[in-house]
Each structure stands twice: as structure tokens, then as C-alpha cells.
């Protein structure tokens, strides 16, 4: 009975993978040819504990991490301790440290990867990823998009000015682009909802916490953000009500926005 229960649990892992971006369009029977249930590993990553150090010279990973719940998982650059990547449920991390596709060339300086909040992941062996990559053009395209989204996320951060509204808008625009491309958002009501603590915004935008709080208040005041009305939800949720309006703030590198500073 114990073995049957374990087999059922492993089968459930495949069902969870099919709900994520990389595997969403895969047929279950076809996928089972390449993913042996016993090779998959479910793991819980706890907050503020390192997962691995990315981009160590001549070091690669043995698994791709697929995020199924919790998070986000972040990448911290050094020495400024700046957040340069955020991974939410439905996406993956670790692909830039696998010897698959662009993983052999998409290198950077050593950076700490950690779960900012408790995160549930499924670890998929690199051999299975390699086999899927060779077998399916659709899989290759989706896998390649994960690399593209990482580059575009950092591109948005590079466009952060020292002007606080523009810096915060740049981060929010990067997350909107990322989650929309992955098919994870918007919500059914058209809103974009992110578990995004002030600390993460501050470290990504190189602002102090008080300034970030003031920017968020200003964005709520003019309708770019919406106050979270769910009493049971985390107080760290940022609800974007007007993604298009954020574009104007994002482009405000010269012209000042009327609501900043707050009066």
C-alpha cells in the first residue's frame, strides 16, 4: 500500500507540472515517455535560505526547478544585494545553470538564489529536460522564452531611474510583462496581483523602504494600484488596476508625475 501511495503522489507531480508554463501544452501520455514519475522530486524551499549560488564558474545544476506554489524565488546580485530576478508559481528557475540550450552561454556573475517566502517546487532532472528539448519544437520555444523573459526583466530594471515613481513603475511593468507572457496573469477581473513586499521593491529599485511606501500610496491615490480588499490575503499583495497607466509613469524620466511628491 505504501508503494501505491508513493506512486500516486509521483503521478500527482506530473499533474502539477501540466499546470505550469513549460509543460502546459504537453499531452500527459506523451510527457510520461520522457518524465519518469520516480525521477521527479517535490521539495519545499523555506524563506531566507539559499537554494544555490547561480553562475559559479564551470558548475551546472542537475535539476530544473518548477515553482508550483508560494514564493517568489529571487536572485540577489552582489555586492549591492540587488534583486535581479523574481520567479512566481507557474514558472521555472535554474535554466541558466543547466547545460541545455542557452544555459551553456547565458552566464553572469555568481548570484544567490533563495526563496523569499516558503515555496513548493518540483525538481525535474536535466536529462529529462534535454530529451524533451530535443523531441519537441513547442517545448524548445517555451524553454527559450524563459531565457528571453529573464533578459527582459533585467532590461526593465536597467531602465530604472533615480526618480522613485519611474523606478517602481519599471519593476511593475517588468512583472506584468513577465506574468502576461507566461499566461499566469491577468486575473479574471483584469487585475494583476503580485505578492511583492516593500523590501523586494526597495532592493530591486535601489530605493529606501519609506520612499517605496510613499510611491505605492501615490499610485493607489491616482488609481494605478488598488487597495487589496481581501481581508485574508497577505498584506504584501500589490494589485495593479491600470497597467496602461503605468506606462506613462514608466516613461517619466524627464517629466515629473503630478502626484509626486505627495502633498
Protein backbone atom coordinates (compact mmCIF):
# COMPACT_ATOMS: atom_id res chain seq x y z
CA UNK A 1 0.00 0.00 0.00
CA UNK A 2 2.85 2.37 0.79
CA UNK A 3 4.33 1.89 -2.69
CA UNK A 4 0.92 2.51 -4.29
CA UNK A 5 0.52 5.73 -2.32
CA UNK A 6 4.01 6.85 -3.33
CA UNK A 7 3.26 6.10 -6.98
CA UNK A 8 0.03 8.10 -6.80
CA UNK A 9 1.91 11.00 -5.22
CA UNK A 10 4.50 10.98 -8.01
CA UNK A 11 1.72 10.88 -10.60
CA UNK A 12 0.23 13.96 -8.96
CA UNK A 13 3.55 15.74 -9.55
CA UNK A 14 3.10 15.29 -13.29
CA UNK A 15 -0.41 16.72 -12.97
CA UNK A 16 1.07 19.76 -11.21
CA UNK A 17 3.71 20.17 -13.92
CA UNK A 18 0.99 20.20 -16.58
CA UNK A 19 -0.43 23.34 -14.94
CA UNK A 20 2.83 25.28 -15.36
CA UNK A 21 4.01 27.31 -18.33
CA UNK A 22 6.72 24.98 -19.61
CA UNK A 23 4.55 21.84 -19.62
CA UNK A 24 1.08 23.35 -20.05
CA UNK A 25 0.59 22.31 -23.68
CA UNK A 26 2.08 18.82 -23.29
CA UNK A 27 -0.05 15.72 -23.64
CA UNK A 28 0.18 13.69 -20.46
CA UNK A 29 0.79 10.35 -22.19
CA UNK A 30 3.45 11.90 -24.41
CA UNK A 31 5.10 13.60 -21.45
CA UNK A 32 5.20 10.34 -19.48
CA UNK A 33 7.54 8.91 -22.13
CA UNK A 34 10.20 11.40 -21.05
CA UNK A 35 9.37 12.06 -17.41
CA UNK A 36 9.60 9.03 -15.18
CA UNK A 37 7.49 9.76 -12.09
CA UNK A 38 10.13 8.30 -9.78
CA UNK A 39 12.71 10.77 -11.12
CA UNK A 40 10.70 13.82 -10.02
CA UNK A 41 11.31 15.38 -6.63
CA UNK A 42 8.92 17.61 -4.69
CA UNK A 43 10.68 19.97 -2.32
CA UNK A 44 9.70 22.81 -0.02
CA UNK A 45 12.07 25.77 -0.01
CA UNK A 46 11.98 27.85 3.15
CA UNK A 47 12.32 31.61 3.28
CA UNK A 48 15.71 33.29 3.59
CA UNK A 49 17.58 30.04 2.99
CA UNK A 50 19.91 29.79 -0.03
CA UNK A 51 18.82 27.36 -2.73
CA UNK A 52 22.06 27.57 -4.73
CA UNK A 53 24.59 30.09 -5.99
CA UNK A 54 23.96 30.76 -9.65
CA UNK A 55 26.67 31.18 -12.29
CA UNK A 56 29.53 29.62 -10.41
CA UNK A 57 32.36 29.01 -12.89
CA UNK A 58 32.20 25.58 -14.54
CA UNK A 59 29.34 24.47 -12.26
CA UNK A 60 25.95 23.34 -13.58
CA UNK A 61 22.78 22.09 -11.89
CA UNK A 62 21.28 18.63 -12.00
CA UNK A 63 17.66 19.82 -11.93
CA UNK A 64 15.31 22.45 -13.31
CA UNK A 65 13.18 23.96 -10.54
CA UNK A 66 9.48 24.35 -11.41
CA UNK A 67 7.57 26.58 -8.98
CA UNK A 68 4.09 25.28 -8.21
CA UNK A 69 3.11 27.31 -5.11
CA UNK A 70 4.31 30.04 -2.76
CA UNK A 71 7.27 32.23 -3.50
CA UNK A 72 8.55 34.32 -5.02
CA UNK A 73 12.04 32.94 -5.52
CA UNK A 74 14.58 35.72 -6.08
CA UNK A 75 18.09 36.13 -7.42
CA UNK A 76 20.30 38.54 -5.48
CA UNK A 77 23.29 40.14 -7.16
CA UNK A 78 26.37 41.21 -5.23
CA UNK A 79 27.80 43.39 -3.79
CA UNK A 80 24.76 45.72 -3.88
CA UNK A 81 22.35 42.94 -2.85
CA UNK A 82 20.04 43.96 -5.67
CA UNK A 83 17.14 41.73 -6.74
CA UNK A 84 17.61 40.90 -10.44
CA UNK A 85 15.00 38.14 -10.93
CA UNK A 86 11.69 37.06 -9.41
CA UNK A 87 10.01 33.73 -10.07
CA UNK A 88 6.36 33.14 -9.21
CA UNK A 89 4.25 29.94 -9.38
CA UNK A 90 3.84 28.60 -12.89
CA UNK A 91 7.37 29.46 -13.99
CA UNK A 92 10.83 27.94 -13.56
CA UNK A 93 14.28 28.87 -12.38
CA UNK A 94 17.70 27.31 -12.76
CA UNK A 95 17.59 27.00 -16.57
CA UNK A 96 20.53 29.40 -16.95
CA UNK A 97 22.60 26.94 -14.94
CA UNK A 98 21.70 23.85 -16.97
CA UNK A 99 23.74 22.68 -19.95
CA UNK A 100 20.64 22.81 -22.14
CA UNK A 101 20.01 25.31 -24.93
CA UNK A 102 21.24 28.79 -23.89
CA UNK A 103 22.27 27.54 -20.47
CA UNK A 104 25.82 26.99 -21.67
CA UNK A 105 26.26 30.64 -22.66
CA UNK A 106 23.74 32.65 -20.58
CA UNK A 107 26.23 33.18 -17.78
CA UNK A 108 26.64 36.01 -15.32
CA UNK A 109 28.48 36.72 -12.09
CA UNK A 110 27.83 34.49 -9.04
CA UNK A 111 24.44 35.38 -7.54
CA UNK A 112 22.48 33.96 -4.63
CA UNK A 113 19.18 32.22 -5.39
CA UNK A 114 16.77 31.99 -2.47
CA UNK A 115 13.09 31.63 -1.68
CA UNK A 116 11.87 34.95 -0.34
CA UNK A 117 8.83 33.17 1.04
CA UNK A 118 8.17 29.46 1.51
CA UNK A 119 7.96 27.89 -1.94
CA UNK A 120 6.88 24.50 -3.27
CA UNK A 121 8.90 23.30 -6.25
CA UNK A 122 9.24 20.19 -8.40
CA UNK A 123 12.77 19.31 -9.44
CA UNK A 124 12.99 17.87 -12.97
CA UNK A 125 16.25 16.10 -13.92
CA UNK A 126 18.39 17.76 -16.56
CA UNK A 127 18.41 14.55 -18.65
CA UNK A 128 14.61 14.74 -18.97
CA UNK A 129 14.75 18.42 -19.93
CA UNK A 130 17.38 17.63 -22.57
CA UNK A 131 15.25 14.81 -24.02
CA UNK A 132 12.13 16.99 -24.14
CA UNK A 133 14.11 19.83 -25.69
CA UNK A 134 15.30 17.56 -28.50
CA UNK A 135 11.91 15.96 -29.07
CA UNK A 136 9.55 18.94 -29.22
CA UNK A 137 9.76 22.25 -31.05
CA UNK A 138 6.97 23.68 -28.88
CA UNK A 139 8.95 22.78 -25.76
CA UNK A 140 12.08 24.40 -27.22
CA UNK A 141 10.18 27.61 -27.92
CA UNK A 142 8.76 27.75 -24.40
CA UNK A 143 12.09 26.90 -22.85
CA UNK A 144 13.76 29.62 -24.91
CA UNK A 145 11.16 32.15 -23.79
CA UNK A 146 12.21 31.59 -20.17
CA UNK A 147 15.67 32.91 -21.09
CA UNK A 148 14.16 35.83 -23.01
CA UNK A 149 11.99 36.85 -20.06
CA UNK A 150 14.99 36.87 -17.73
CA UNK A 151 16.82 39.23 -20.08
CA UNK A 152 13.81 41.50 -20.49
CA UNK A 153 13.25 41.62 -16.72
CA UNK A 154 16.78 42.87 -16.24
CA UNK A 155 16.34 45.28 -19.16
CA UNK A 156 13.41 46.89 -17.34
CA UNK A 157 15.49 47.21 -14.19
CA UNK A 158 18.29 48.85 -16.17
CA UNK A 159 15.77 51.50 -17.15
CA UNK A 160 15.06 52.35 -13.51
CA UNK A 161 16.00 55.96 -12.96
CA UNK A 162 16.63 57.51 -9.56
CA UNK A 163 13.18 59.10 -9.86
CA UNK A 164 11.15 56.93 -7.44
CA UNK A 165 7.81 56.72 -9.33
CA UNK A 166 9.59 55.71 -12.54
CA UNK A 167 11.75 53.15 -10.75
CA UNK A 168 8.79 51.41 -9.10
CA UNK A 169 6.78 51.57 -12.34
CA UNK A 170 9.69 49.93 -14.18
CA UNK A 171 9.63 46.98 -11.78
CA UNK A 172 5.85 46.61 -12.01
CA UNK A 173 5.97 46.79 -15.80
CA UNK A 174 8.63 44.07 -15.86
CA UNK A 175 6.48 41.80 -13.72
CA UNK A 176 3.37 42.49 -15.79
CA UNK A 177 5.24 41.67 -18.99
CA UNK A 178 6.71 38.51 -17.46
CA UNK A 179 3.50 37.11 -16.00
CA UNK A 180 1.42 38.03 -19.04
CA UNK A 181 3.93 36.27 -21.34
CA UNK A 182 3.78 33.18 -19.13
CA UNK A 183 -0.02 33.18 -19.25
CA UNK A 184 -0.27 33.45 -15.46
CA UNK A 185 -1.99 36.84 -15.37
CA UNK A 186 -4.11 38.96 -15.52
CA UNK A 187 -6.74 37.64 -13.14
CA UNK A 188 -10.31 37.02 -14.34
CA UNK A 189 -11.22 40.59 -13.34
CA UNK A 190 -8.35 42.05 -15.38
CA UNK A 191 -6.21 42.91 -12.36
CA UNK A 192 -2.56 41.95 -11.92
CA UNK A 193 -1.85 40.73 -8.38
CA UNK A 194 1.69 40.24 -7.08
CA UNK A 195 2.99 39.06 -3.73
CA UNK A 196 5.52 41.86 -3.64
CA UNK A 197 6.78 43.02 -0.22
CA UNK A 198 8.14 46.54 0.11
CA UNK A 199 11.56 45.06 0.85
CA UNK A 200 11.68 43.36 -2.57
CA UNK A 201 10.67 46.55 -4.36
CA UNK A 202 13.31 48.51 -2.45
CA UNK A 203 16.08 46.02 -3.29
CA UNK A 204 15.08 45.78 -6.95
CA UNK A 205 14.79 49.55 -7.44
CA UNK A 206 17.59 50.65 -5.10
CA UNK A 207 15.24 52.82 -3.03
CA UNK A 208 14.70 53.02 0.71
CA UNK A 209 11.63 51.43 2.23
CA UNK A 210 9.95 54.68 3.24
CA UNK A 211 10.20 56.05 -0.31
CA UNK A 212 8.69 52.86 -1.75
CA UNK A 213 5.77 53.08 0.68
CA UNK A 214 5.12 56.69 -0.38
CA UNK A 215 5.23 55.78 -4.08
CA UNK A 216 2.76 52.93 -3.56
CA UNK A 217 0.41 55.28 -1.67
CA UNK A 218 0.62 57.78 -4.51
CA UNK A 219 -0.13 55.09 -7.10
CA UNK A 220 -3.18 54.00 -5.12
CA UNK A 221 -4.34 57.62 -4.84
CA UNK A 222 -4.34 58.13 -8.62
CA UNK A 223 -5.84 54.71 -9.40
CA UNK A 224 -2.80 52.91 -10.80
CA UNK A 225 -2.93 50.46 -7.91
CA UNK A 226 -5.89 49.20 -5.96
CA UNK A 227 -6.18 48.57 -2.25
CA UNK A 228 -6.35 44.85 -1.55
CA UNK A 229 -9.88 44.16 -0.33
CA UNK A 230 -9.33 40.54 0.66
CA UNK A 231 -9.03 40.57 4.45
CA UNK A 232 -7.47 37.09 4.48
CA UNK A 233 -4.82 37.84 1.88
CA UNK A 234 -1.23 38.77 2.57
CA UNK A 235 -0.52 42.40 3.35
CA UNK A 236 2.30 42.22 0.80
CA UNK A 237 -0.05 41.95 -2.18
CA UNK A 238 0.27 44.68 -4.81
CA UNK A 239 -2.82 44.96 -7.03
CA UNK A 240 -2.26 46.71 -10.36
CA UNK A 241 -5.54 48.22 -11.60
CA UNK A 242 -4.23 50.28 -14.53
CA UNK A 243 -1.32 48.56 -16.34
CA UNK A 244 -1.53 51.00 -19.26
CA UNK A 245 -1.36 53.97 -16.91
CA UNK A 246 1.88 52.60 -15.52
CA UNK A 247 3.41 53.04 -18.98
CA UNK A 248 3.17 56.80 -18.63
CA UNK A 249 4.91 56.72 -15.27
CA UNK A 250 7.49 54.27 -16.62
CA UNK A 251 8.37 56.79 -19.32
CA UNK A 252 8.55 59.72 -16.91
CA UNK A 253 12.33 60.04 -16.99
CA UNK A 254 12.19 63.80 -17.69
CA UNK A 255 8.66 64.97 -16.97
CA UNK A 256 7.56 64.78 -13.38
CA UNK A 257 4.35 62.99 -12.44
CA UNK A 258 1.81 65.26 -10.81
CA UNK A 259 1.26 63.18 -7.69
CA UNK A 260 4.90 63.04 -6.59
CA UNK A 261 5.98 64.05 -4.05
CA UNK A 262 2.84 63.57 -2.01
CA UNK A 263 1.43 66.79 -0.63
